[in-house]
Amino acid sequence: MIDLSGMSREELTALKKNVEKALDTVETRRRAEALKAAEDAAREFGFSLTELNASTTGGKKTKGVAKFVNPEDPSQTWTGRGRKPKWVIEHLDNGKPLEDLEL
């Protein structure tokens, strides 16, 4: 056991930094071991960890179904969620109703 009572502030600070570094190293090693164990377990069932993770999160997330379209450029659509596109804002600023842009 280390006798901390006889150590100076500088020695204690250095010891603290060394302990924190050692804890980080242990944490990194444990994470790597856990990841390897998870990969090995997935491999036993014929999967990769990436495949399993994608299937539990539903794979790629879609932006949603477009509800509005830019009449000047049909490739520009908006689901009605989130920030309004510039073309929607301009349409509304011209006093036109949002319904004009519905699909």
PDB file of N, CA and C in Angstrom:
ATOM      1  N   MET A   1       0.853  -1.170   0.000  1.00  0.00           N
ATOM      2  CA  MET A   1       0.000   0.000   0.000  1.00  0.00           C
ATOM      3  C   MET A   1       0.896   1.229   0.000  1.00  0.00           C
ATOM      4  N   ILE A   2       0.471   2.257  -0.701  1.00  0.00           N
ATOM      5  CA  ILE A   2       1.254   3.482  -0.805  1.00  0.00           C
ATOM      6  C   ILE A   2       0.881   4.409   0.348  1.00  0.00           C
ATOM      7  N   ASP A   3       1.899   4.966   1.002  1.00  0.00           N
ATOM      8  CA  ASP A   3       1.670   5.932   2.082  1.00  0.00           C
ATOM      9  C   ASP A   3       1.528   7.310   1.444  1.00  0.00           C
ATOM     10  N   LEU A   4       0.308   7.796   1.359  1.00  0.00           N
ATOM     11  CA  LEU A   4       0.031   9.078   0.715  1.00  0.00           C
ATOM     12  C   LEU A   4       0.326  10.265   1.626  1.00  0.00           C
ATOM     13  N   SER A   5       0.343  10.045   2.911  1.00  0.00           N
ATOM     14  CA  SER A   5       0.506  11.156   3.859  1.00  0.00           C
ATOM     15  C   SER A   5       1.869  11.834   3.752  1.00  0.00           C
ATOM     16  N   GLY A   6       2.887  11.132   3.326  1.00  0.00           N
ATOM     17  CA  GLY A   6       4.216  11.727   3.220  1.00  0.00           C
ATOM     18  C   GLY A   6       4.522  12.307   1.854  1.00  0.00           C
ATOM     19  N   MET A   7       3.553  12.289   0.922  1.00  0.00           N
ATOM     20  CA  MET A   7       3.800  12.762  -0.430  1.00  0.00           C
ATOM     21  C   MET A   7       3.467  14.240  -0.572  1.00  0.00           C
ATOM     22  N   SER A   8       4.229  14.922  -1.430  1.00  0.00           N
ATOM     23  CA  SER A   8       3.978  16.339  -1.696  1.00  0.00           C
ATOM     24  C   SER A   8       2.790  16.473  -2.643  1.00  0.00           C
ATOM     25  N   ARG A   9       2.316  17.706  -2.792  1.00  0.00           N
ATOM     26  CA  ARG A   9       1.200  17.980  -3.702  1.00  0.00           C
ATOM     27  C   ARG A   9       1.570  17.566  -5.129  1.00  0.00           C
ATOM     28  N   GLU A  10       2.783  17.882  -5.577  1.00  0.00           N
ATOM     29  CA  GLU A  10       3.232  17.545  -6.915  1.00  0.00           C
ATOM     30  C   GLU A  10       3.269  16.029  -7.119  1.00  0.00           C
ATOM     31  N   GLU A  11       3.745  15.305  -6.107  1.00  0.00           N
ATOM     32  CA  GLU A  11       3.802  13.845  -6.193  1.00  0.00           C
ATOM     33  C   GLU A  11       2.401  13.248  -6.245  1.00  0.00           C
ATOM     34  N   LEU A  12       1.491  13.809  -5.443  1.00  0.00           N
ATOM     35  CA  LEU A  12       0.112  13.328  -5.445  1.00  0.00           C
ATOM     36  C   LEU A  12      -0.569  13.618  -6.784  1.00  0.00           C
ATOM     37  N   THR A  13      -0.301  14.798  -7.357  1.00  0.00           N
ATOM     38  CA  THR A  13      -0.872  15.151  -8.652  1.00  0.00           C
ATOM     39  C   THR A  13      -0.360  14.214  -9.735  1.00  0.00           C
ATOM     40  N   ALA A  14       0.944  13.936  -9.711  1.00  0.00           N
ATOM     41  CA  ALA A  14       1.526  13.008 -10.683  1.00  0.00           C
ATOM     42  C   ALA A  14       0.941  11.618 -10.499  1.00  0.00           C
ATOM     43  N   LEU A  15       0.778  11.183  -9.257  1.00  0.00           N
ATOM     44  CA  LEU A  15       0.191   9.877  -8.978  1.00  0.00           C
ATOM     45  C   LEU A  15      -1.249   9.815  -9.498  1.00  0.00           C
ATOM     46  N   LYS A  16      -1.993  10.890  -9.274  1.00  0.00           N
ATOM     47  CA  LYS A  16      -3.382  10.951  -9.734  1.00  0.00           C
ATOM     48  C   LYS A  16      -3.439  10.815 -11.259  1.00  0.00           C
ATOM     49  N   LYS A  17      -2.556  11.531 -11.970  1.00  0.00           N
ATOM     50  CA  LYS A  17      -2.528  11.439 -13.430  1.00  0.00           C
ATOM     51  C   LYS A  17      -2.190  10.024 -13.882  1.00  0.00           C
ATOM     52  N   ASN A  18      -1.241   9.394 -13.199  1.00  0.00           N
ATOM     53  CA  ASN A  18      -0.854   8.024 -13.545  1.00  0.00           C
ATOM     54  C   ASN A  18      -1.999   7.048 -13.303  1.00  0.00           C
ATOM     55  N   VAL A  19      -2.714   7.252 -12.205  1.00  0.00           N
ATOM     56  CA  VAL A  19      -3.854   6.381 -11.892  1.00  0.00           C
ATOM     57  C   VAL A  19      -4.952   6.557 -12.945  1.00  0.00           C
ATOM     58  N   GLU A  20      -5.241   7.808 -13.329  1.00  0.00           N
ATOM     59  CA  GLU A  20      -6.267   8.056 -14.337  1.00  0.00           C
ATOM     60  C   GLU A  20      -5.874   7.441 -15.678  1.00  0.00           C
ATOM     61  N   LYS A  21      -4.607   7.542 -16.031  1.00  0.00           N
ATOM     62  CA  LYS A  21      -4.120   6.947 -17.267  1.00  0.00           C
ATOM     63  C   LYS A  21      -4.253   5.423 -17.222  1.00  0.00           C
ATOM     64  N   ALA A  22      -3.906   4.834 -16.084  1.00  0.00           N
ATOM     65  CA  ALA A  22      -4.009   3.389 -15.918  1.00  0.00           C
ATOM     66  C   ALA A  22      -5.476   2.942 -16.003  1.00  0.00           C
ATOM     67  N   LEU A  23      -6.377   3.721 -15.408  1.00  0.00           N
ATOM     68  CA  LEU A  23      -7.801   3.386 -15.467  1.00  0.00           C
ATOM     69  C   LEU A  23      -8.318   3.459 -16.904  1.00  0.00           C
ATOM     70  N   ASP A  24      -7.869   4.471 -17.649  1.00  0.00           N
ATOM     71  CA  ASP A  24      -8.271   4.576 -19.055  1.00  0.00           C
ATOM     72  C   ASP A  24      -7.779   3.371 -19.851  1.00  0.00           C
ATOM     73  N   THR A  25      -6.547   2.949 -19.580  1.00  0.00           N
ATOM     74  CA  THR A  25      -5.972   1.797 -20.273  1.00  0.00           C
ATOM     75  C   THR A  25      -6.770   0.539 -19.969  1.00  0.00           C
ATOM     76  N   VAL A  26      -7.122   0.359 -18.707  1.00  0.00           N
ATOM     77  CA  VAL A  26      -7.922  -0.809 -18.308  1.00  0.00           C
ATOM     78  C   VAL A  26      -9.278  -0.763 -18.995  1.00  0.00           C
ATOM     79  N   GLU A  27      -9.896   0.406 -19.020  1.00  0.00           N
ATOM     80  CA  GLU A  27     -11.211   0.551 -19.649  1.00  0.00           C
ATOM     81  C   GLU A  27     -11.129   0.229 -21.145  1.00  0.00           C
ATOM     82  N   THR A  28     -10.106   0.732 -21.808  1.00  0.00           N
ATOM     83  CA  THR A  28      -9.927   0.465 -23.239  1.00  0.00           C
ATOM     84  C   THR A  28      -9.730  -1.018 -23.491  1.00  0.00           C
ATOM     85  N   ARG A  29      -8.913  -1.656 -22.661  1.00  0.00           N
ATOM     86  CA  ARG A  29      -8.665  -3.092 -22.810  1.00  0.00           C
ATOM     87  C   ARG A  29      -9.943  -3.889 -22.577  1.00  0.00           C
ATOM     88  N   ARG A  30     -10.724  -3.521 -21.563  1.00  0.00           N
ATOM     89  CA  ARG A  30     -11.979  -4.233 -21.282  1.00  0.00           C
ATOM     90  C   ARG A  30     -12.980  -4.078 -22.414  1.00  0.00           C
ATOM     91  N   ARG A  31     -13.046  -2.871 -22.997  1.00  0.00           N
ATOM     92  CA  ARG A  31     -13.947  -2.655 -24.135  1.00  0.00           C
ATOM     93  C   ARG A  31     -13.536  -3.523 -25.315  1.00  0.00           C
ATOM     94  N   ALA A  32     -12.234  -3.582 -25.575  1.00  0.00           N
ATOM     95  CA  ALA A  32     -11.735  -4.401 -26.682  1.00  0.00           C
ATOM     96  C   ALA A  32     -12.056  -5.873 -26.448  1.00  0.00           C
ATOM     97  N   GLU A  33     -11.896  -6.333 -25.210  1.00  0.00           N
ATOM     98  CA  GLU A  33     -12.209  -7.727 -24.880  1.00  0.00           C
ATOM     99  C   GLU A  33     -13.700  -8.002 -25.051  1.00  0.00           C
ATOM    100  N   ALA A  34     -14.530  -7.059 -24.610  1.00  0.00           N
ATOM    101  CA  ALA A  34     -15.979  -7.228 -24.738  1.00  0.00           C
ATOM    102  C   ALA A  34     -16.391  -7.252 -26.210  1.00  0.00           C
ATOM    103  N   LEU A  35     -15.802  -6.373 -27.011  1.00  0.00           N
ATOM    104  CA  LEU A  35     -16.111  -6.341 -28.432  1.00  0.00           C
ATOM    105  C   LEU A  35     -15.709  -7.644 -29.107  1.00  0.00           C
ATOM    106  N   LYS A  36     -14.536  -8.151 -28.773  1.00  0.00           N
ATOM    107  CA  LYS A  36     -14.080  -9.419 -29.360  1.00  0.00           C
ATOM    108  C   LYS A  36     -15.010 -10.559 -28.956  1.00  0.00           C
ATOM    109  N   ALA A  37     -15.417 -10.589 -27.694  1.00  0.00           N
ATOM    110  CA  ALA A  37     -16.329 -11.637 -27.234  1.00  0.00           C
ATOM    111  C   ALA A  37     -17.670 -11.551 -27.969  1.00  0.00           C
ATOM    112  N   ALA A  38     -18.164 -10.335 -28.175  1.00  0.00           N
ATOM    113  CA  ALA A  38     -19.426 -10.157 -28.893  1.00  0.00           C
ATOM    114  C   ALA A  38     -19.281 -10.593 -30.348  1.00  0.00           C
ATOM    115  N   GLU A  39     -18.154 -10.234 -30.977  1.00  0.00           N
ATOM    116  CA  GLU A  39     -17.919 -10.642 -32.362  1.00  0.00           C
ATOM    117  C   GLU A  39     -17.822 -12.156 -32.480  1.00  0.00           C
ATOM    118  N   ASP A  40     -17.142 -12.792 -31.526  1.00  0.00           N
ATOM    119  CA  ASP A  40     -17.017 -14.250 -31.535  1.00  0.00           C
ATOM    120  C   ASP A  40     -18.386 -14.906 -31.371  1.00  0.00           C
ATOM    121  N   ALA A  41     -19.203 -14.372 -30.472  1.00  0.00           N
ATOM    122  CA  ALA A  41     -20.539 -14.929 -30.255  1.00  0.00           C
ATOM    123  C   ALA A  41     -21.396 -14.777 -31.511  1.00  0.00           C
ATOM    124  N   ALA A  42     -21.337 -13.617 -32.161  1.00  0.00           N
ATOM    125  CA  ALA A  42     -22.106 -13.413 -33.391  1.00  0.00           C
ATOM    126  C   ALA A  42     -21.633 -14.365 -34.485  1.00  0.00           C
ATOM    127  N   ARG A  43     -20.331 -14.558 -34.577  1.00  0.00           N
ATOM    128  CA  ARG A  43     -19.753 -15.435 -35.595  1.00  0.00           C
ATOM    129  C   ARG A  43     -20.219 -16.874 -35.400  1.00  0.00           C
ATOM    130  N   GLU A  44     -20.400 -17.296 -34.151  1.00  0.00           N
ATOM    131  CA  GLU A  44     -20.882 -18.662 -33.873  1.00  0.00           C
ATOM    132  C   GLU A  44     -22.243 -18.902 -34.498  1.00  0.00           C
ATOM    133  N   PHE A  45     -23.032 -17.843 -34.632  1.00  0.00           N
ATOM    134  CA  PHE A  45     -24.366 -17.966 -35.210  1.00  0.00           C
ATOM    135  C   PHE A  45     -24.389 -17.601 -36.691  1.00  0.00           C
ATOM    136  N   GLY A  46     -23.221 -17.334 -37.254  1.00  0.00           N
ATOM    137  CA  GLY A  46     -23.129 -17.046 -38.677  1.00  0.00           C
ATOM    138  C   GLY A  46     -23.373 -15.598 -39.053  1.00  0.00           C
ATOM    139  N   PHE A  47     -23.210 -14.699 -38.101  1.00  0.00           N
ATOM    140  CA  PHE A  47     -23.425 -13.277 -38.365  1.00  0.00           C
ATOM    141  C   PHE A  47     -22.174 -12.488 -38.020  1.00  0.00           C
ATOM    142  N   SER A  48     -22.139 -11.261 -38.535  1.00  0.00           N
ATOM    143  CA  SER A  48     -21.126 -10.320 -38.059  1.00  0.00           C
ATOM    144  C   SER A  48     -21.834  -9.399 -37.070  1.00  0.00           C
ATOM    145  N   LEU A  49     -21.066  -8.751 -36.236  1.00  0.00           N
ATOM    146  CA  LEU A  49     -21.650  -7.837 -35.260  1.00  0.00           C
ATOM    147  C   LEU A  49     -22.361  -6.686 -35.966  1.00  0.00           C
ATOM    148  N   THR A  50     -21.819  -6.250 -37.101  1.00  0.00           N
ATOM    149  CA  THR A  50     -22.436  -5.177 -37.874  1.00  0.00           C
ATOM    150  C   THR A  50     -23.805  -5.594 -38.388  1.00  0.00           C
ATOM    151  N   GLU A  51     -23.907  -6.822 -38.867  1.00  0.00           N
ATOM    152  CA  GLU A  51     -25.202  -7.323 -39.363  1.00  0.00           C
ATOM    153  C   GLU A  51     -26.233  -7.357 -38.247  1.00  0.00           C
ATOM    154  N   LEU A  52     -25.826  -7.817 -37.083  1.00  0.00           N
ATOM    155  CA  LEU A  52     -26.758  -7.884 -35.965  1.00  0.00           C
ATOM    156  C   LEU A  52     -27.184  -6.503 -35.514  1.00  0.00           C
ATOM    157  N   ASN A  53     -26.264  -5.590 -35.480  1.00  0.00           N
ATOM    158  CA  ASN A  53     -26.590  -4.232 -35.057  1.00  0.00           C
ATOM    159  C   ASN A  53     -27.533  -3.575 -36.051  1.00  0.00           C
ATOM    160  N   ALA A  54     -27.323  -3.776 -37.340  1.00  0.00           N
ATOM    161  CA  ALA A  54     -28.185  -3.186 -38.363  1.00  0.00           C
ATOM    162  C   ALA A  54     -29.599  -3.747 -38.268  1.00  0.00           C
ATOM    163  N   SER A  55     -29.705  -5.040 -37.955  1.00  0.00           N
ATOM    164  CA  SER A  55     -31.041  -5.634 -37.897  1.00  0.00           C
ATOM    165  C   SER A  55     -31.795  -5.194 -36.663  1.00  0.00           C
ATOM    166  N   THR A  56     -31.109  -4.876 -35.579  1.00  0.00           N
ATOM    167  CA  THR A  56     -31.812  -4.438 -34.373  1.00  0.00           C
ATOM    168  C   THR A  56     -32.195  -2.980 -34.444  1.00  0.00           C
ATOM    169  N   THR A  57     -31.478  -2.199 -35.249  1.00  0.00           N
ATOM    170  CA  THR A  57     -31.828  -0.789 -35.382  1.00  0.00           C
ATOM    171  C   THR A  57     -32.715  -0.547 -36.585  1.00  0.00           C
ATOM    172  N   GLY A  58     -33.045  -1.591 -37.314  1.00  0.00           N
ATOM    173  CA  GLY A  58     -33.919  -1.447 -38.456  1.00  0.00           C
ATOM    174  C   GLY A  58     -33.175  -1.105 -39.735  1.00  0.00           C
ATOM    175  N   GLY A  59     -31.872  -1.217 -39.717  1.00  0.00           N
ATOM    176  CA  GLY A  59     -31.102  -0.911 -40.920  1.00  0.00           C
ATOM    177  C   GLY A  59     -31.075   0.576 -41.177  1.00  0.00           C
ATOM    178  N   LYS A  60     -31.060   0.928 -42.455  1.00  0.00           N
ATOM    179  CA  LYS A  60     -31.031   2.338 -42.820  1.00  0.00           C
ATOM    180  C   LYS A  60     -32.355   2.995 -42.480  1.00  0.00           C
ATOM    181  N   LYS A  61     -32.267   4.191 -41.965  1.00  0.00           N
ATOM    182  CA  LYS A  61     -33.478   4.933 -41.654  1.00  0.00           C
ATOM    183  C   LYS A  61     -33.876   5.751 -42.872  1.00  0.00           C
ATOM    184  N   THR A  62     -35.167   5.788 -43.119  1.00  0.00           N
ATOM    185  CA  THR A  62     -35.652   6.569 -44.244  1.00  0.00           C
ATOM    186  C   THR A  62     -36.022   7.964 -43.766  1.00  0.00           C
ATOM    187  N   LYS A  63     -36.045   8.883 -44.683  1.00  0.00           N
ATOM    188  CA  LYS A  63     -36.399  10.257 -44.345  1.00  0.00           C
ATOM    189  C   LYS A  63     -37.903  10.419 -44.174  1.00  0.00           C
ATOM    190  N   GLY A  64     -38.656   9.506 -44.677  1.00  0.00           N
ATOM    191  CA  GLY A  64     -40.101   9.601 -44.600  1.00  0.00           C
ATOM    192  C   GLY A  64     -40.685   9.774 -45.984  1.00  0.00           C
ATOM    193  N   VAL A  65     -41.986   9.754 -46.047  1.00  0.00           N
ATOM    194  CA  VAL A  65     -42.685   9.866 -47.317  1.00  0.00           C
ATOM    195  C   VAL A  65     -42.875  11.341 -47.646  1.00  0.00           C
ATOM    196  N   ALA A  66     -42.528  11.716 -48.864  1.00  0.00           N
ATOM    197  CA  ALA A  66     -42.689  13.102 -49.294  1.00  0.00           C
ATOM    198  C   ALA A  66     -44.170  13.459 -49.372  1.00  0.00           C
ATOM    199  N   LYS A  67     -44.524  14.615 -48.848  1.00  0.00           N
ATOM    200  CA  LYS A  67     -45.907  15.087 -48.893  1.00  0.00           C
ATOM    201  C   LYS A  67     -46.040  16.345 -49.737  1.00  0.00           C
ATOM    202  N   PHE A  68     -44.906  17.025 -49.940  1.00  0.00           N
ATOM    203  CA  PHE A  68     -44.922  18.275 -50.692  1.00  0.00           C
ATOM    204  C   PHE A  68     -43.839  18.236 -51.766  1.00  0.00           C
ATOM    205  N   VAL A  69     -44.109  18.900 -52.898  1.00  0.00           N
ATOM    206  CA  VAL A  69     -43.154  18.910 -54.008  1.00  0.00           C
ATOM    207  C   VAL A  69     -43.022  20.339 -54.532  1.00  0.00           C
ATOM    208  N   ASN A  70     -41.805  20.680 -54.948  1.00  0.00           N
ATOM    209  CA  ASN A  70     -41.551  21.981 -55.552  1.00  0.00           C
ATOM    210  C   ASN A  70     -42.075  21.935 -56.982  1.00  0.00           C
ATOM    211  N   PRO A  71     -43.072  22.760 -57.338  1.00  0.00           N
ATOM    212  CA  PRO A  71     -43.629  22.706 -58.697  1.00  0.00           C
ATOM    213  C   PRO A  71     -42.614  23.096 -59.772  1.00  0.00           C
ATOM    214  N   GLU A  72     -41.605  23.866 -59.400  1.00  0.00           N
ATOM    215  CA  GLU A  72     -40.590  24.285 -60.369  1.00  0.00           C
ATOM    216  C   GLU A  72     -39.494  23.246 -60.543  1.00  0.00           C
ATOM    217  N   ASP A  73     -39.328  22.376 -59.541  1.00  0.00           N
ATOM    218  CA  ASP A  73     -38.307  21.322 -59.610  1.00  0.00           C
ATOM    219  C   ASP A  73     -38.839  20.098 -58.868  1.00  0.00           C
ATOM    220  N   PRO A  74     -39.527  19.193 -59.566  1.00  0.00           N
ATOM    221  CA  PRO A  74     -40.152  18.033 -58.923  1.00  0.00           C
ATOM    222  C   PRO A  74     -39.184  17.114 -58.172  1.00  0.00           C
ATOM    223  N   SER A  75     -37.882  17.268 -58.382  1.00  0.00           N
ATOM    224  CA  SER A  75     -36.932  16.440 -57.641  1.00  0.00           C
ATOM    225  C   SER A  75     -36.795  16.919 -56.197  1.00  0.00           C
ATOM    226  N   GLN A  76     -37.277  18.123 -55.911  1.00  0.00           N
ATOM    227  CA  GLN A  76     -37.221  18.663 -54.556  1.00  0.00           C
ATOM    228  C   GLN A  76     -38.534  18.374 -53.840  1.00  0.00           C
ATOM    229  N   THR A  77     -38.426  17.592 -52.771  1.00  0.00           N
ATOM    230  CA  THR A  77     -39.618  17.231 -52.003  1.00  0.00           C
ATOM    231  C   THR A  77     -39.372  17.518 -50.528  1.00  0.00           C
ATOM    232  N   TRP A  78     -40.461  17.478 -49.764  1.00  0.00           N
ATOM    233  CA  TRP A  78     -40.392  17.710 -48.315  1.00  0.00           C
ATOM    234  C   TRP A  78     -41.447  16.848 -47.646  1.00  0.00           C
ATOM    235  N   THR A  79     -41.084  16.242 -46.520  1.00  0.00           N
ATOM    236  CA  THR A  79     -42.000  15.359 -45.800  1.00  0.00           C
ATOM    237  C   THR A  79     -43.000  16.123 -44.943  1.00  0.00           C
ATOM    238  N   GLY A  80     -42.714  17.385 -44.700  1.00  0.00           N
ATOM    239  CA  GLY A  80     -43.568  18.157 -43.814  1.00  0.00           C
ATOM    240  C   GLY A  80     -43.023  18.183 -42.398  1.00  0.00           C
ATOM    241  N   ARG A  81     -41.902  17.492 -42.193  1.00  0.00           N
ATOM    242  CA  ARG A  81     -41.265  17.465 -40.875  1.00  0.00           C
ATOM    243  C   ARG A  81     -39.952  18.219 -40.928  1.00  0.00           C
ATOM    244  N   GLY A  82     -39.565  18.739 -39.798  1.00  0.00           N
ATOM    245  CA  GLY A  82     -38.274  19.429 -39.714  1.00  0.00           C
ATOM    246  C   GLY A  82     -38.322  20.804 -40.350  1.00  0.00           C
ATOM    247  N   ARG A  83     -37.144  21.321 -40.601  1.00  0.00           N
ATOM    248  CA  ARG A  83     -37.008  22.659 -41.167  1.00  0.00           C
ATOM    249  C   ARG A  83     -37.608  22.719 -42.573  1.00  0.00           C
ATOM    250  N   LYS A  84     -38.333  23.814 -42.832  1.00  0.00           N
ATOM    251  CA  LYS A  84     -38.922  23.989 -44.158  1.00  0.00           C
ATOM    252  C   LYS A  84     -37.815  24.315 -45.159  1.00  0.00           C
ATOM    253  N   PRO A  85     -37.867  23.700 -46.329  1.00  0.00           N
ATOM    254  CA  PRO A  85     -36.900  24.046 -47.372  1.00  0.00           C
ATOM    255  C   PRO A  85     -37.128  25.486 -47.852  1.00  0.00           C
ATOM    256  N   LYS A  86     -36.102  26.031 -48.444  1.00  0.00           N
ATOM    257  CA  LYS A  86     -36.159  27.410 -48.924  1.00  0.00           C
ATOM    258  C   LYS A  86     -37.316  27.621 -49.891  1.00  0.00           C
ATOM    259  N   TRP A  87     -37.544  26.653 -50.787  1.00  0.00           N
ATOM    260  CA  TRP A  87     -38.606  26.801 -51.773  1.00  0.00           C
ATOM    261  C   TRP A  87     -39.990  26.829 -51.132  1.00  0.00           C
ATOM    262  N   VAL A  88     -40.169  26.154 -49.994  1.00  0.00           N
ATOM    263  CA  VAL A  88     -41.445  26.180 -49.271  1.00  0.00           C
ATOM    264  C   VAL A  88     -41.616  27.544 -48.614  1.00  0.00           C
ATOM    265  N   ILE A  89     -40.558  28.030 -47.995  1.00  0.00           N
ATOM    266  CA  ILE A  89     -40.607  29.335 -47.329  1.00  0.00           C
ATOM    267  C   ILE A  89     -40.929  30.434 -48.343  1.00  0.00           C
ATOM    268  N   GLU A  90     -40.278  30.396 -49.505  1.00  0.00           N
ATOM    269  CA  GLU A  90     -40.533  31.395 -50.543  1.00  0.00           C
ATOM    270  C   GLU A  90     -41.976  31.326 -51.015  1.00  0.00           C
ATOM    271  N   HIS A  91     -42.491  30.128 -51.172  1.00  0.00           N
ATOM    272  CA  HIS A  91     -43.881  29.938 -51.608  1.00  0.00           C
ATOM    273  C   HIS A  91     -44.837  30.577 -50.592  1.00  0.00           C
ATOM    274  N   LEU A  92     -44.599  30.310 -49.306  1.00  0.00           N
ATOM    275  CA  LEU A  92     -45.452  30.856 -48.255  1.00  0.00           C
ATOM    276  C   LEU A  92     -45.301  32.367 -48.137  1.00  0.00           C
ATOM    277  N   ASP A  93     -44.064  32.876 -48.310  1.00  0.00           N
ATOM    278  CA  ASP A  93     -43.819  34.323 -48.240  1.00  0.00           C
ATOM    279  C   ASP A  93     -44.540  35.069 -49.354  1.00  0.00           C
ATOM    280  N   ASN A  94     -44.812  34.395 -50.463  1.00  0.00           N
ATOM    281  CA  ASN A  94     -45.550  35.005 -51.575  1.00  0.00           C
ATOM    282  C   ASN A  94     -47.054  34.958 -51.346  1.00  0.00           C
ATOM    283  N   GLY A  95     -47.473  34.521 -50.148  1.00  0.00           N
ATOM    284  CA  GLY A  95     -48.889  34.518 -49.800  1.00  0.00           C
ATOM    285  C   GLY A  95     -49.650  33.324 -50.327  1.00  0.00           C
ATOM    286  N   LYS A  96     -48.937  32.328 -50.817  1.00  0.00           N
ATOM    287  CA  LYS A  96     -49.597  31.147 -51.360  1.00  0.00           C
ATOM    288  C   LYS A  96     -49.740  30.087 -50.264  1.00  0.00           C
ATOM    289  N   PRO A  97     -50.809  29.300 -50.308  1.00  0.00           N
ATOM    290  CA  PRO A  97     -51.029  28.292 -49.262  1.00  0.00           C
ATOM    291  C   PRO A  97     -50.136  27.062 -49.449  1.00  0.00           C
ATOM    292  N   LEU A  98     -49.814  26.422 -48.354  1.00  0.00           N
ATOM    293  CA  LEU A  98     -48.997  25.212 -48.367  1.00  0.00           C
ATOM    294  C   LEU A  98     -49.665  24.108 -49.160  1.00  0.00           C
ATOM    295  N   GLU A  99     -50.992  24.084 -49.159  1.00  0.00           N
ATOM    296  CA  GLU A  99     -51.750  23.054 -49.861  1.00  0.00           C
ATOM    297  C   GLU A  99     -51.410  23.009 -51.352  1.00  0.00           C
ATOM    298  N   ASP A 100     -50.966  24.128 -51.918  1.00  0.00           N
ATOM    299  CA  ASP A 100     -50.607  24.171 -53.343  1.00  0.00           C
ATOM    300  C   ASP A 100     -49.454  23.208 -53.649  1.00  0.00           C
ATOM    301  N   LEU A 101     -48.639  22.913 -52.638  1.00  0.00           N
ATOM    302  CA  LEU A 101     -47.453  22.099 -52.841  1.00  0.00           C
ATOM    303  C   LEU A 101     -47.670  20.625 -52.529  1.00  0.00           C
ATOM    304  N   GLU A 102     -48.863  20.273 -52.066  1.00  0.00           N
ATOM    305  CA  GLU A 102     -49.131  18.874 -51.705  1.00  0.00           C
ATOM    306  C   GLU A 102     -49.071  17.965 -52.929  1.00  0.00           C
ATOM    307  N   LEU A 103     -48.598  16.747 -52.682  1.00  0.00           N
ATOM    308  CA  LEU A 103     -48.562  15.739 -53.746  1.00  0.00           C
ATOM    309  C   LEU A 103     -49.937  15.202 -54.015  1.00  0.00           C
TER     310      LEU A 103
END
